Amino acid sequence: MPYDIITASLNARDKSGRIEVRFGADKKTVVVSRRALLSIASPPRATEVRLLQHIDTFCEIAASCLASEGMDGDTILITANDVRRWCHAWESSGLAAEAPAAPRLLLV
C-alpha cells in the first residue's frame, strides 16, 4: 500500500515515536512504542535517529496492519511483537538473502 510520510517525531518523555502518514486519502497516526524502537535494530536504542533510520519499516508494518486487519481508527500502534513478526516474515521470505549487505565503516 503506497504511503506518504507527513511528519515524524520522538516523544522525549516516554521515548515513543509518532509518525503522521497518509495512506491514500486517509491520514493516520502511527505510534511506535519504545519497545518497538528498541527491537528494530541492535544495539537497542530508543532515539529519534533510530526512528528516522527505520521510518520506512514502521510505515510498511503499519500498511500491512491496515491491509490485514482493516483498522478503522486514526491511530495505529506498532509494538515490539509487530516488529518481531515483521522481521521474522522478512527473513523467511528470502528477501533478506537477496538484499545487499549494509556498508560498514572502517575505523583506522
PDB file of N, CA and C in Angstrom:
ATOM      1  N   MET A   1       0.843  -1.170   0.000  1.00  0.00           N
ATOM      2  CA  MET A   1       0.000   0.000   0.000  1.00  0.00           C
ATOM      3  C   MET A   1       0.895   1.243   0.000  1.00  0.00           C
ATOM      4  N   PRO A   2       0.739   2.124  -0.963  1.00  0.00           N
ATOM      5  CA  PRO A   2       1.578   3.333  -1.014  1.00  0.00           C
ATOM      6  C   PRO A   2       1.239   4.283   0.139  1.00  0.00           C
ATOM      7  N   TYR A   3       2.248   5.012   0.558  1.00  0.00           N
ATOM      8  CA  TYR A   3       2.062   5.947   1.669  1.00  0.00           C
ATOM      9  C   TYR A   3       2.970   7.160   1.488  1.00  0.00           C
ATOM     10  N   ASP A   4       2.587   8.249   2.141  1.00  0.00           N
ATOM     11  CA  ASP A   4       3.398   9.465   2.182  1.00  0.00           C
ATOM     12  C   ASP A   4       3.590   9.856   3.639  1.00  0.00           C
ATOM     13  N   ILE A   5       4.836  10.056   4.034  1.00  0.00           N
ATOM     14  CA  ILE A   5       5.140  10.465   5.404  1.00  0.00           C
ATOM     15  C   ILE A   5       4.970  11.975   5.492  1.00  0.00           C
ATOM     16  N   ILE A   6       4.203  12.412   6.482  1.00  0.00           N
ATOM     17  CA  ILE A   6       3.973  13.839   6.672  1.00  0.00           C
ATOM     18  C   ILE A   6       4.949  14.396   7.701  1.00  0.00           C
ATOM     19  N   THR A   7       4.951  13.832   8.905  1.00  0.00           N
ATOM     20  CA  THR A   7       5.888  14.256   9.954  1.00  0.00           C
ATOM     21  C   THR A   7       6.284  13.050  10.794  1.00  0.00           C
ATOM     22  N   ALA A   8       7.394  13.189  11.502  1.00  0.00           N
ATOM     23  CA  ALA A   8       7.838  12.153  12.437  1.00  0.00           C
ATOM     24  C   ALA A   8       8.533  12.840  13.600  1.00  0.00           C
ATOM     25  N   SER A   9       8.284  12.331  14.800  1.00  0.00           N
ATOM     26  CA  SER A   9       8.923  12.904  15.988  1.00  0.00           C
ATOM     27  C   SER A   9       9.000  11.857  17.085  1.00  0.00           C
ATOM     28  N   LEU A  10       9.855  12.123  18.058  1.00  0.00           N
ATOM     29  CA  LEU A  10      10.013  11.242  19.212  1.00  0.00           C
ATOM     30  C   LEU A  10       9.519  11.974  20.437  1.00  0.00           C
ATOM     31  N   ASN A  11       8.678  11.322  21.224  1.00  0.00           N
ATOM     32  CA  ASN A  11       8.235  11.872  22.493  1.00  0.00           C
ATOM     33  C   ASN A  11       9.359  11.629  23.492  1.00  0.00           C
ATOM     34  N   ALA A  12      10.008  12.680  23.947  1.00  0.00           N
ATOM     35  CA  ALA A  12      11.182  12.548  24.812  1.00  0.00           C
ATOM     36  C   ALA A  12      10.833  11.958  26.169  1.00  0.00           C
ATOM     37  N   ARG A  13       9.610  12.172  26.620  1.00  0.00           N
ATOM     38  CA  ARG A  13       9.229  11.693  27.948  1.00  0.00           C
ATOM     39  C   ARG A  13       9.095  10.174  27.989  1.00  0.00           C
ATOM     40  N   ASP A  14       8.330   9.617  27.062  1.00  0.00           N
ATOM     41  CA  ASP A  14       8.134   8.159  27.091  1.00  0.00           C
ATOM     42  C   ASP A  14       8.907   7.416  26.002  1.00  0.00           C
ATOM     43  N   LYS A  15       9.700   8.140  25.224  1.00  0.00           N
ATOM     44  CA  LYS A  15      10.575   7.550  24.194  1.00  0.00           C
ATOM     45  C   LYS A  15       9.807   6.744  23.155  1.00  0.00           C
ATOM     46  N   SER A  16       8.627   7.215  22.801  1.00  0.00           N
ATOM     47  CA  SER A  16       7.866   6.567  21.733  1.00  0.00           C
ATOM     48  C   SER A  16       7.855   7.480  20.517  1.00  0.00           C
ATOM     49  N   GLY A  17       7.752   6.871  19.351  1.00  0.00           N
ATOM     50  CA  GLY A  17       7.740   7.637  18.116  1.00  0.00           C
ATOM     51  C   GLY A  17       6.327   7.912  17.656  1.00  0.00           C
ATOM     52  N   ARG A  18       6.183   8.977  16.908  1.00  0.00           N
ATOM     53  CA  ARG A  18       4.885   9.357  16.338  1.00  0.00           C
ATOM     54  C   ARG A  18       5.130   9.760  14.890  1.00  0.00           C
ATOM     55  N   ILE A  19       4.447   9.076  13.979  1.00  0.00           N
ATOM     56  CA  ILE A  19       4.602   9.328  12.553  1.00  0.00           C
ATOM     57  C   ILE A  19       3.218   9.629  11.981  1.00  0.00           C
ATOM     58  N   GLU A  20       3.098  10.776  11.339  1.00  0.00           N
ATOM     59  CA  GLU A  20       1.862  11.115  10.638  1.00  0.00           C
ATOM     60  C   GLU A  20       2.045  10.644   9.194  1.00  0.00           C
ATOM     61  N   VAL A  21       1.136   9.777   8.735  1.00  0.00           N
ATOM     62  CA  VAL A  21       1.279   9.143   7.427  1.00  0.00           C
ATOM     63  C   VAL A  21      -0.051   9.242   6.665  1.00  0.00           C
ATOM     64  N   ARG A  22       0.067   9.443   5.365  1.00  0.00           N
ATOM     65  CA  ARG A  22      -1.120   9.435   4.518  1.00  0.00           C
ATOM     66  C   ARG A  22      -1.095   8.150   3.696  1.00  0.00           C
ATOM     67  N   PHE A  23      -2.129   7.310   3.922  1.00  0.00           N
ATOM     68  CA  PHE A  23      -2.323   6.089   3.154  1.00  0.00           C
ATOM     69  C   PHE A  23      -3.467   6.370   2.199  1.00  0.00           C
ATOM     70  N   GLY A  24      -3.144   6.669   0.959  1.00  0.00           N
ATOM     71  CA  GLY A  24      -4.184   7.057   0.009  1.00  0.00           C
ATOM     72  C   GLY A  24      -4.828   8.353   0.463  1.00  0.00           C
ATOM     73  N   ALA A  25      -6.130   8.338   0.663  1.00  0.00           N
ATOM     74  CA  ALA A  25      -6.845   9.543   1.110  1.00  0.00           C
ATOM     75  C   ALA A  25      -6.914   9.642   2.625  1.00  0.00           C
ATOM     76  N   ASP A  26      -6.531   8.587   3.338  1.00  0.00           N
ATOM     77  CA  ASP A  26      -6.633   8.558   4.800  1.00  0.00           C
ATOM     78  C   ASP A  26      -5.341   9.008   5.467  1.00  0.00           C
ATOM     79  N   LYS A  27      -5.485   9.875   6.465  1.00  0.00           N
ATOM     80  CA  LYS A  27      -4.343  10.295   7.270  1.00  0.00           C
ATOM     81  C   LYS A  27      -4.393   9.519   8.581  1.00  0.00           C
ATOM     82  N   LYS A  28      -3.299   8.836   8.904  1.00  0.00           N
ATOM     83  CA  LYS A  28      -3.213   8.020  10.116  1.00  0.00           C
ATOM     84  C   LYS A  28      -2.031   8.464  10.956  1.00  0.00           C
ATOM     85  N   THR A  29      -2.154   8.263  12.256  1.00  0.00           N
ATOM     86  CA  THR A  29      -1.045   8.480  13.179  1.00  0.00           C
ATOM     87  C   THR A  29      -0.499   7.109  13.559  1.00  0.00           C
ATOM     88  N   VAL A  30       0.775   6.898  13.298  1.00  0.00           N
ATOM     89  CA  VAL A  30       1.432   5.649  13.664  1.00  0.00           C
ATOM     90  C   VAL A  30       2.238   5.928  14.928  1.00  0.00           C
ATOM     91  N   VAL A  31       1.889   5.229  16.011  1.00  0.00           N
ATOM     92  CA  VAL A  31       2.614   5.362  17.266  1.00  0.00           C
ATOM     93  C   VAL A  31       3.544   4.162  17.377  1.00  0.00           C
ATOM     94  N   VAL A  32       4.829   4.425  17.512  1.00  0.00           N
ATOM     95  CA  VAL A  32       5.839   3.372  17.617  1.00  0.00           C
ATOM     96  C   VAL A  32       6.264   3.299  19.073  1.00  0.00           C
ATOM     97  N   SER A  33       5.966   2.187  19.725  1.00  0.00           N
ATOM     98  CA  SER A  33       6.277   2.059  21.150  1.00  0.00           C
ATOM     99  C   SER A  33       7.786   2.078  21.393  1.00  0.00           C
ATOM    100  N   ARG A  34       8.145   2.396  22.606  1.00  0.00           N
ATOM    101  CA  ARG A  34       9.562   2.407  22.994  1.00  0.00           C
ATOM    102  C   ARG A  34      10.187   1.031  22.754  1.00  0.00           C
ATOM    103  N   ARG A  35       9.470  -0.001  23.121  1.00  0.00           N
ATOM    104  CA  ARG A  35       9.994  -1.363  22.936  1.00  0.00           C
ATOM    105  C   ARG A  35      10.138  -1.716  21.456  1.00  0.00           C
ATOM    106  N   ALA A  36       9.262  -1.187  20.616  1.00  0.00           N
ATOM    107  CA  ALA A  36       9.405  -1.419  19.167  1.00  0.00           C
ATOM    108  C   ALA A  36      10.679  -0.757  18.657  1.00  0.00           C
ATOM    109  N   LEU A  37      10.953   0.462  19.135  1.00  0.00           N
ATOM    110  CA  LEU A  37      12.192   1.145  18.746  1.00  0.00           C
ATOM    111  C   LEU A  37      13.414   0.356  19.214  1.00  0.00           C
ATOM    112  N   LEU A  38      13.335  -0.198  20.421  1.00  0.00           N
ATOM    113  CA  LEU A  38      14.453  -0.979  20.943  1.00  0.00           C
ATOM    114  C   LEU A  38      14.639  -2.284  20.180  1.00  0.00           C
ATOM    115  N   SER A  39      13.551  -2.838  19.635  1.00  0.00           N
ATOM    116  CA  SER A  39      13.593  -4.147  18.976  1.00  0.00           C
ATOM    117  C   SER A  39      13.991  -4.094  17.504  1.00  0.00           C
ATOM    118  N   ILE A  40      13.949  -2.936  16.891  1.00  0.00           N
ATOM    119  CA  ILE A  40      14.130  -2.850  15.441  1.00  0.00           C
ATOM    120  C   ILE A  40      15.575  -3.094  15.002  1.00  0.00           C
ATOM    121  N   ALA A  41      16.555  -2.799  15.849  1.00  0.00           N
ATOM    122  CA  ALA A  41      17.957  -2.981  15.456  1.00  0.00           C
ATOM    123  C   ALA A  41      18.830  -3.125  16.695  1.00  0.00           C
ATOM    124  N   SER A  42      20.046  -3.546  16.460  1.00  0.00           N
ATOM    125  CA  SER A  42      20.999  -3.712  17.547  1.00  0.00           C
ATOM    126  C   SER A  42      22.159  -2.750  17.330  1.00  0.00           C
ATOM    127  N   PRO A  43      22.659  -2.108  18.353  1.00  0.00           N
ATOM    128  CA  PRO A  43      22.236  -2.157  19.748  1.00  0.00           C
ATOM    129  C   PRO A  43      20.904  -1.445  19.950  1.00  0.00           C
ATOM    130  N   PRO A  44      20.134  -1.890  20.960  1.00  0.00           N
ATOM    131  CA  PRO A  44      18.826  -1.289  21.191  1.00  0.00           C
ATOM    132  C   PRO A  44      18.936   0.180  21.599  1.00  0.00           C
ATOM    133  N   ARG A  45      18.207   1.036  20.883  1.00  0.00           N
ATOM    134  CA  ARG A  45      18.189   2.470  21.196  1.00  0.00           C
ATOM    135  C   ARG A  45      16.801   3.014  20.904  1.00  0.00           C
ATOM    136  N   ALA A  46      16.289   3.819  21.824  1.00  0.00           N
ATOM    137  CA  ALA A  46      15.000   4.490  21.612  1.00  0.00           C
ATOM    138  C   ALA A  46      15.290   5.965  21.392  1.00  0.00           C
ATOM    139  N   THR A  47      15.774   6.285  20.195  1.00  0.00           N
ATOM    140  CA  THR A  47      16.155   7.662  19.881  1.00  0.00           C
ATOM    141  C   THR A  47      15.448   8.115  18.607  1.00  0.00           C
ATOM    142  N   GLU A  48      15.466   9.425  18.386  1.00  0.00           N
ATOM    143  CA  GLU A  48      14.870   9.962  17.167  1.00  0.00           C
ATOM    144  C   GLU A  48      15.643   9.496  15.938  1.00  0.00           C
ATOM    145  N   VAL A  49      16.945   9.359  16.079  1.00  0.00           N
ATOM    146  CA  VAL A  49      17.765   8.872  14.963  1.00  0.00           C
ATOM    147  C   VAL A  49      17.325   7.465  14.568  1.00  0.00           C
ATOM    148  N   ARG A  50      17.101   6.594  15.560  1.00  0.00           N
ATOM    149  CA  ARG A  50      16.657   5.224  15.269  1.00  0.00           C
ATOM    150  C   ARG A  50      15.282   5.233  14.609  1.00  0.00           C
ATOM    151  N   LEU A  51      14.395   6.105  15.080  1.00  0.00           N
ATOM    152  CA  LEU A  51      13.069   6.231  14.478  1.00  0.00           C
ATOM    153  C   LEU A  51      13.185   6.619  13.007  1.00  0.00           C
ATOM    154  N   LEU A  52      14.018   7.597  12.723  1.00  0.00           N
ATOM    155  CA  LEU A  52      14.171   8.071  11.342  1.00  0.00           C
ATOM    156  C   LEU A  52      14.896   7.062  10.465  1.00  0.00           C
ATOM    157  N   GLN A  53      15.841   6.311  11.041  1.00  0.00           N
ATOM    158  CA  GLN A  53      16.557   5.288  10.265  1.00  0.00           C
ATOM    159  C   GLN A  53      15.612   4.204   9.764  1.00  0.00           C
ATOM    160  N   HIS A  54      14.601   3.886  10.557  1.00  0.00           N
ATOM    161  CA  HIS A  54      13.715   2.766  10.244  1.00  0.00           C
ATOM    162  C   HIS A  54      12.281   3.213   9.983  1.00  0.00           C
ATOM    163  N   ILE A  55      12.098   4.467   9.610  1.00  0.00           N
ATOM    164  CA  ILE A  55      10.764   5.007   9.403  1.00  0.00           C
ATOM    165  C   ILE A  55      10.003   4.256   8.310  1.00  0.00           C
ATOM    166  N   ASP A  56      10.686   3.866   7.245  1.00  0.00           N
ATOM    167  CA  ASP A  56      10.019   3.122   6.172  1.00  0.00           C
ATOM    168  C   ASP A  56       9.547   1.759   6.654  1.00  0.00           C
ATOM    169  N   THR A  57      10.346   1.098   7.476  1.00  0.00           N
ATOM    170  CA  THR A  57       9.940  -0.200   8.021  1.00  0.00           C
ATOM    171  C   THR A  57       8.698  -0.048   8.880  1.00  0.00           C
ATOM    172  N   PHE A  58       8.666   0.983   9.744  1.00  0.00           N
ATOM    173  CA  PHE A  58       7.492   1.196  10.591  1.00  0.00           C
ATOM    174  C   PHE A  58       6.256   1.504   9.743  1.00  0.00           C
ATOM    175  N   CYS A  59       6.433   2.256   8.677  1.00  0.00           N
ATOM    176  CA  CYS A  59       5.304   2.563   7.786  1.00  0.00           C
ATOM    177  C   CYS A  59       4.836   1.315   7.041  1.00  0.00           C
ATOM    178  N   GLU A  60       5.764   0.454   6.633  1.00  0.00           N
ATOM    179  CA  GLU A  60       5.389  -0.803   5.983  1.00  0.00           C
ATOM    180  C   GLU A  60       4.627  -1.714   6.948  1.00  0.00           C
ATOM    181  N   ILE A  61       5.062  -1.758   8.211  1.00  0.00           N
ATOM    182  CA  ILE A  61       4.355  -2.551   9.216  1.00  0.00           C
ATOM    183  C   ILE A  61       2.946  -1.999   9.393  1.00  0.00           C
ATOM    184  N   ALA A  62       2.822  -0.677   9.476  1.00  0.00           N
ATOM    185  CA  ALA A  62       1.504  -0.050   9.623  1.00  0.00           C
ATOM    186  C   ALA A  62       0.622  -0.346   8.408  1.00  0.00           C
ATOM    187  N   ALA A  63       1.194  -0.288   7.212  1.00  0.00           N
ATOM    188  CA  ALA A  63       0.429  -0.572   5.998  1.00  0.00           C
ATOM    189  C   ALA A  63      -0.060  -2.014   5.990  1.00  0.00           C
ATOM    190  N   SER A  64       0.777  -2.931   6.449  1.00  0.00           N
ATOM    191  CA  SER A  64       0.357  -4.331   6.488  1.00  0.00           C
ATOM    192  C   SER A  64      -0.728  -4.535   7.542  1.00  0.00           C
ATOM    193  N   CYS A  65      -0.663  -3.805   8.650  1.00  0.00           N
ATOM    194  CA  CYS A  65      -1.730  -3.872   9.668  1.00  0.00           C
ATOM    195  C   CYS A  65      -3.040  -3.375   9.075  1.00  0.00           C
ATOM    196  N   LEU A  66      -2.981  -2.279   8.337  1.00  0.00           N
ATOM    197  CA  LEU A  66      -4.193  -1.736   7.703  1.00  0.00           C
ATOM    198  C   LEU A  66      -4.783  -2.725   6.712  1.00  0.00           C
ATOM    199  N   ALA A  67      -3.929  -3.343   5.920  1.00  0.00           N
ATOM    200  CA  ALA A  67      -4.398  -4.254   4.881  1.00  0.00           C
ATOM    201  C   ALA A  67      -4.977  -5.539   5.468  1.00  0.00           C
ATOM    202  N   SER A  68      -4.337  -6.063   6.511  1.00  0.00           N
ATOM    203  CA  SER A  68      -4.764  -7.355   7.040  1.00  0.00           C
ATOM    204  C   SER A  68      -5.874  -7.246   8.080  1.00  0.00           C
ATOM    205  N   GLU A  69      -5.864  -6.180   8.865  1.00  0.00           N
ATOM    206  CA  GLU A  69      -6.826  -6.083   9.953  1.00  0.00           C
ATOM    207  C   GLU A  69      -7.968  -5.122   9.642  1.00  0.00           C
ATOM    208  N   GLY A  70      -7.864  -4.353   8.563  1.00  0.00           N
ATOM    209  CA  GLY A  70      -8.922  -3.432   8.206  1.00  0.00           C
ATOM    210  C   GLY A  70      -9.253  -2.451   9.321  1.00  0.00           C
ATOM    211  N   MET A  71      -8.256  -1.831   9.878  1.00  0.00           N
ATOM    212  CA  MET A  71      -8.448  -0.924  11.014  1.00  0.00           C
ATOM    213  C   MET A  71      -9.226   0.315  10.589  1.00  0.00           C
ATOM    214  N   ASP A  72     -10.141   0.746  11.441  1.00  0.00           N
ATOM    215  CA  ASP A  72     -10.964   1.911  11.142  1.00  0.00           C
ATOM    216  C   ASP A  72     -10.504   3.166  11.864  1.00  0.00           C
ATOM    217  N   GLY A  73      -9.754   3.049  12.946  1.00  0.00           N
ATOM    218  CA  GLY A  73      -9.349   4.205  13.737  1.00  0.00           C
ATOM    219  C   GLY A  73      -8.292   5.039  13.036  1.00  0.00           C
ATOM    220  N   ASP A  74      -7.988   6.162  13.645  1.00  0.00           N
ATOM    221  CA  ASP A  74      -6.979   7.068  13.091  1.00  0.00           C
ATOM    222  C   ASP A  74      -5.578   6.773  13.598  1.00  0.00           C
ATOM    223  N   THR A  75      -5.449   5.879  14.595  1.00  0.00           N
ATOM    224  CA  THR A  75      -4.154   5.596  15.204  1.00  0.00           C
ATOM    225  C   THR A  75      -3.805   4.127  15.052  1.00  0.00           C
ATOM    226  N   ILE A  76      -2.560   3.876  14.672  1.00  0.00           N
ATOM    227  CA  ILE A  76      -2.036   2.511  14.558  1.00  0.00           C
ATOM    228  C   ILE A  76      -0.872   2.403  15.529  1.00  0.00           C
ATOM    229  N   LEU A  77      -0.921   1.423  16.421  1.00  0.00           N
ATOM    230  CA  LEU A  77       0.148   1.216  17.393  1.00  0.00           C
ATOM    231  C   LEU A  77       1.066   0.110  16.903  1.00  0.00           C
ATOM    232  N   ILE A  78       2.367   0.413  16.801  1.00  0.00           N
ATOM    233  CA  ILE A  78       3.385  -0.573  16.432  1.00  0.00           C
ATOM    234  C   ILE A  78       4.097  -0.992  17.708  1.00  0.00           C
ATOM    235  N   THR A  79       4.048  -2.292  18.025  1.00  0.00           N
ATOM    236  CA  THR A  79       4.667  -2.811  19.240  1.00  0.00           C
ATOM    237  C   THR A  79       5.902  -3.643  18.888  1.00  0.00           C
ATOM    238  N   ALA A  80       6.612  -4.072  19.920  1.00  0.00           N
ATOM    239  CA  ALA A  80       7.780  -4.929  19.710  1.00  0.00           C
ATOM    240  C   ALA A  80       7.369  -6.247  19.055  1.00  0.00           C
ATOM    241  N   ASN A  81       6.206  -6.775  19.398  1.00  0.00           N
ATOM    242  CA  ASN A  81       5.728  -8.010  18.768  1.00  0.00           C
ATOM    243  C   ASN A  81       5.491  -7.819  17.282  1.00  0.00           C
ATOM    244  N   ASP A  82       4.968  -6.658  16.887  1.00  0.00           N
ATOM    245  CA  ASP A  82       4.779  -6.365  15.461  1.00  0.00           C
ATOM    246  C   ASP A  82       6.123  -6.348  14.739  1.00  0.00           C
ATOM    247  N   VAL A  83       7.127  -5.738  15.361  1.00  0.00           N
ATOM    248  CA  VAL A  83       8.469  -5.664  14.762  1.00  0.00           C
ATOM    249  C   VAL A  83       9.055  -7.058  14.617  1.00  0.00           C
ATOM    250  N   ARG A  84       8.936  -7.875  15.662  1.00  0.00           N
ATOM    251  CA  ARG A  84       9.473  -9.238  15.604  1.00  0.00           C
ATOM    252  C   ARG A  84       8.802 -10.063  14.507  1.00  0.00           C
ATOM    253  N   ARG A  85       7.464  -9.962  14.407  1.00  0.00           N
ATOM    254  CA  ARG A  85       6.745 -10.693  13.361  1.00  0.00           C
ATOM    255  C   ARG A  85       7.185 -10.220  11.980  1.00  0.00           C
ATOM    256  N   TRP A  86       7.337  -8.899  11.814  1.00  0.00           N
ATOM    257  CA  TRP A  86       7.744  -8.335  10.527  1.00  0.00           C
ATOM    258  C   TRP A  86       9.144  -8.818  10.145  1.00  0.00           C
ATOM    259  N   CYS A  87      10.073  -8.750  11.091  1.00  0.00           N
ATOM    260  CA  CYS A  87      11.453  -9.176  10.820  1.00  0.00           C
ATOM    261  C   CYS A  87      11.505 -10.666  10.502  1.00  0.00           C
ATOM    262  N   HIS A  88      10.754 -11.463  11.252  1.00  0.00           N
ATOM    263  CA  HIS A  88      10.742 -12.911  11.004  1.00  0.00           C
ATOM    264  C   HIS A  88      10.173 -13.214   9.617  1.00  0.00           C
ATOM    265  N   ALA A  89       9.093 -12.559   9.257  1.00  0.00           N
ATOM    266  CA  ALA A  89       8.491 -12.772   7.933  1.00  0.00           C
ATOM    267  C   ALA A  89       9.436 -12.329   6.833  1.00  0.00           C
ATOM    268  N   TRP A  90      10.126 -11.213   7.034  1.00  0.00           N
ATOM    269  CA  TRP A  90      11.048 -10.697   6.026  1.00  0.00           C
ATOM    270  C   TRP A  90      12.230 -11.650   5.853  1.00  0.00           C
ATOM    271  N   GLU A  91      12.780 -12.139   6.976  1.00  0.00           N
ATOM    272  CA  GLU A  91      13.927 -13.050   6.892  1.00  0.00           C
ATOM    273  C   GLU A  91      13.544 -14.375   6.253  1.00  0.00           C
ATOM    274  N   SER A  92      12.353 -14.878   6.538  1.00  0.00           N
ATOM    275  CA  SER A  92      11.949 -16.167   5.993  1.00  0.00           C
ATOM    276  C   SER A  92      11.449 -16.068   4.550  1.00  0.00           C
ATOM    277  N   SER A  93      11.220 -14.847   4.056  1.00  0.00           N
ATOM    278  CA  SER A  93      10.729 -14.685   2.686  1.00  0.00           C
ATOM    279  C   SER A  93      11.818 -14.863   1.633  1.00  0.00           C
ATOM    280  N   GLY A  94      13.070 -14.860   2.040  1.00  0.00           N
ATOM    281  CA  GLY A  94      14.159 -14.966   1.086  1.00  0.00           C
ATOM    282  C   GLY A  94      14.679 -13.623   0.623  1.00  0.00           C
ATOM    283  N   LEU A  95      13.958 -12.552   0.930  1.00  0.00           N
ATOM    284  CA  LEU A  95      14.414 -11.217   0.533  1.00  0.00           C
ATOM    285  C   LEU A  95      15.665 -10.804   1.297  1.00  0.00           C
ATOM    286  N   ALA A  96      15.805 -11.305   2.518  1.00  0.00           N
ATOM    287  CA  ALA A  96      16.977 -10.947   3.324  1.00  0.00           C
ATOM    288  C   ALA A  96      18.255 -11.450   2.660  1.00  0.00           C
ATOM    289  N   ALA A  97      18.194 -12.625   2.058  1.00  0.00           N
ATOM    290  CA  ALA A  97      19.386 -13.181   1.406  1.00  0.00           C
ATOM    291  C   ALA A  97      19.746 -12.414   0.143  1.00  0.00           C
ATOM    292  N   GLU A  98      18.735 -11.840  -0.507  1.00  0.00           N
ATOM    293  CA  GLU A  98      18.976 -11.105  -1.748  1.00  0.00           C
ATOM    294  C   GLU A  98      19.366  -9.652  -1.518  1.00  0.00           C
ATOM    295  N   ALA A  99      19.123  -9.144  -0.310  1.00  0.00           N
ATOM    296  CA  ALA A  99      19.413  -7.737  -0.020  1.00  0.00           C
ATOM    297  C   ALA A  99      20.919  -7.515   0.018  1.00  0.00           C
ATOM    298  N   PRO A 100      21.367  -6.389  -0.503  1.00  0.00           N
ATOM    299  CA  PRO A 100      22.807  -6.113  -0.446  1.00  0.00           C
ATOM    300  C   PRO A 100      23.233  -5.859   0.993  1.00  0.00           C
ATOM    301  N   ALA A 101      24.454  -6.229   1.276  1.00  0.00           N
ATOM    302  CA  ALA A 101      24.975  -6.015   2.626  1.00  0.00           C
ATOM    303  C   ALA A 101      25.076  -4.524   2.907  1.00  0.00           C
ATOM    304  N   ALA A 102      24.788  -4.173   4.140  1.00  0.00           N
ATOM    305  CA  ALA A 102      24.889  -2.770   4.534  1.00  0.00           C
ATOM    306  C   ALA A 102      26.359  -2.354   4.551  1.00  0.00           C
ATOM    307  N   PRO A 103      26.646  -1.146   4.117  1.00  0.00           N
ATOM    308  CA  PRO A 103      28.040  -0.696   4.149  1.00  0.00           C
ATOM    309  C   PRO A 103      28.519  -0.591   5.600  1.00  0.00           C
ATOM    310  N   ARG A 104      29.747  -0.933   5.805  1.00  0.00           N
ATOM    311  CA  ARG A 104      30.314  -0.877   7.150  1.00  0.00           C
ATOM    312  C   ARG A 104      31.444   0.134   7.169  1.00  0.00           C
ATOM    313  N   LEU A 105      31.512   0.863   8.245  1.00  0.00           N
ATOM    314  CA  LEU A 105      32.571   1.848   8.397  1.00  0.00           C
ATOM    315  C   LEU A 105      33.840   1.153   8.846  1.00  0.00           C
ATOM    316  N   LEU A 106      34.929   1.533   8.276  1.00  0.00           N
ATOM    317  CA  LEU A 106      36.225   1.005   8.668  1.00  0.00           C
ATOM    318  C   LEU A 106      36.913   2.072   9.488  1.00  0.00           C
ATOM    319  N   LEU A 107      37.089   1.781  10.768  1.00  0.00           N
ATOM    320  CA  LEU A 107      37.762   2.723  11.655  1.00  0.00           C
ATOM    321  C   LEU A 107      39.220   2.355  11.751  1.00  0.00           C
ATOM    322  N   VAL A 108      40.072   3.281  11.483  1.00  0.00           N
ATOM    323  CA  VAL A 108      41.502   3.016  11.490  1.00  0.00           C
ATOM    324  C   VAL A 108      42.149   3.766  12.619  1.00  0.00           C
TER     325      VAL A 108
END
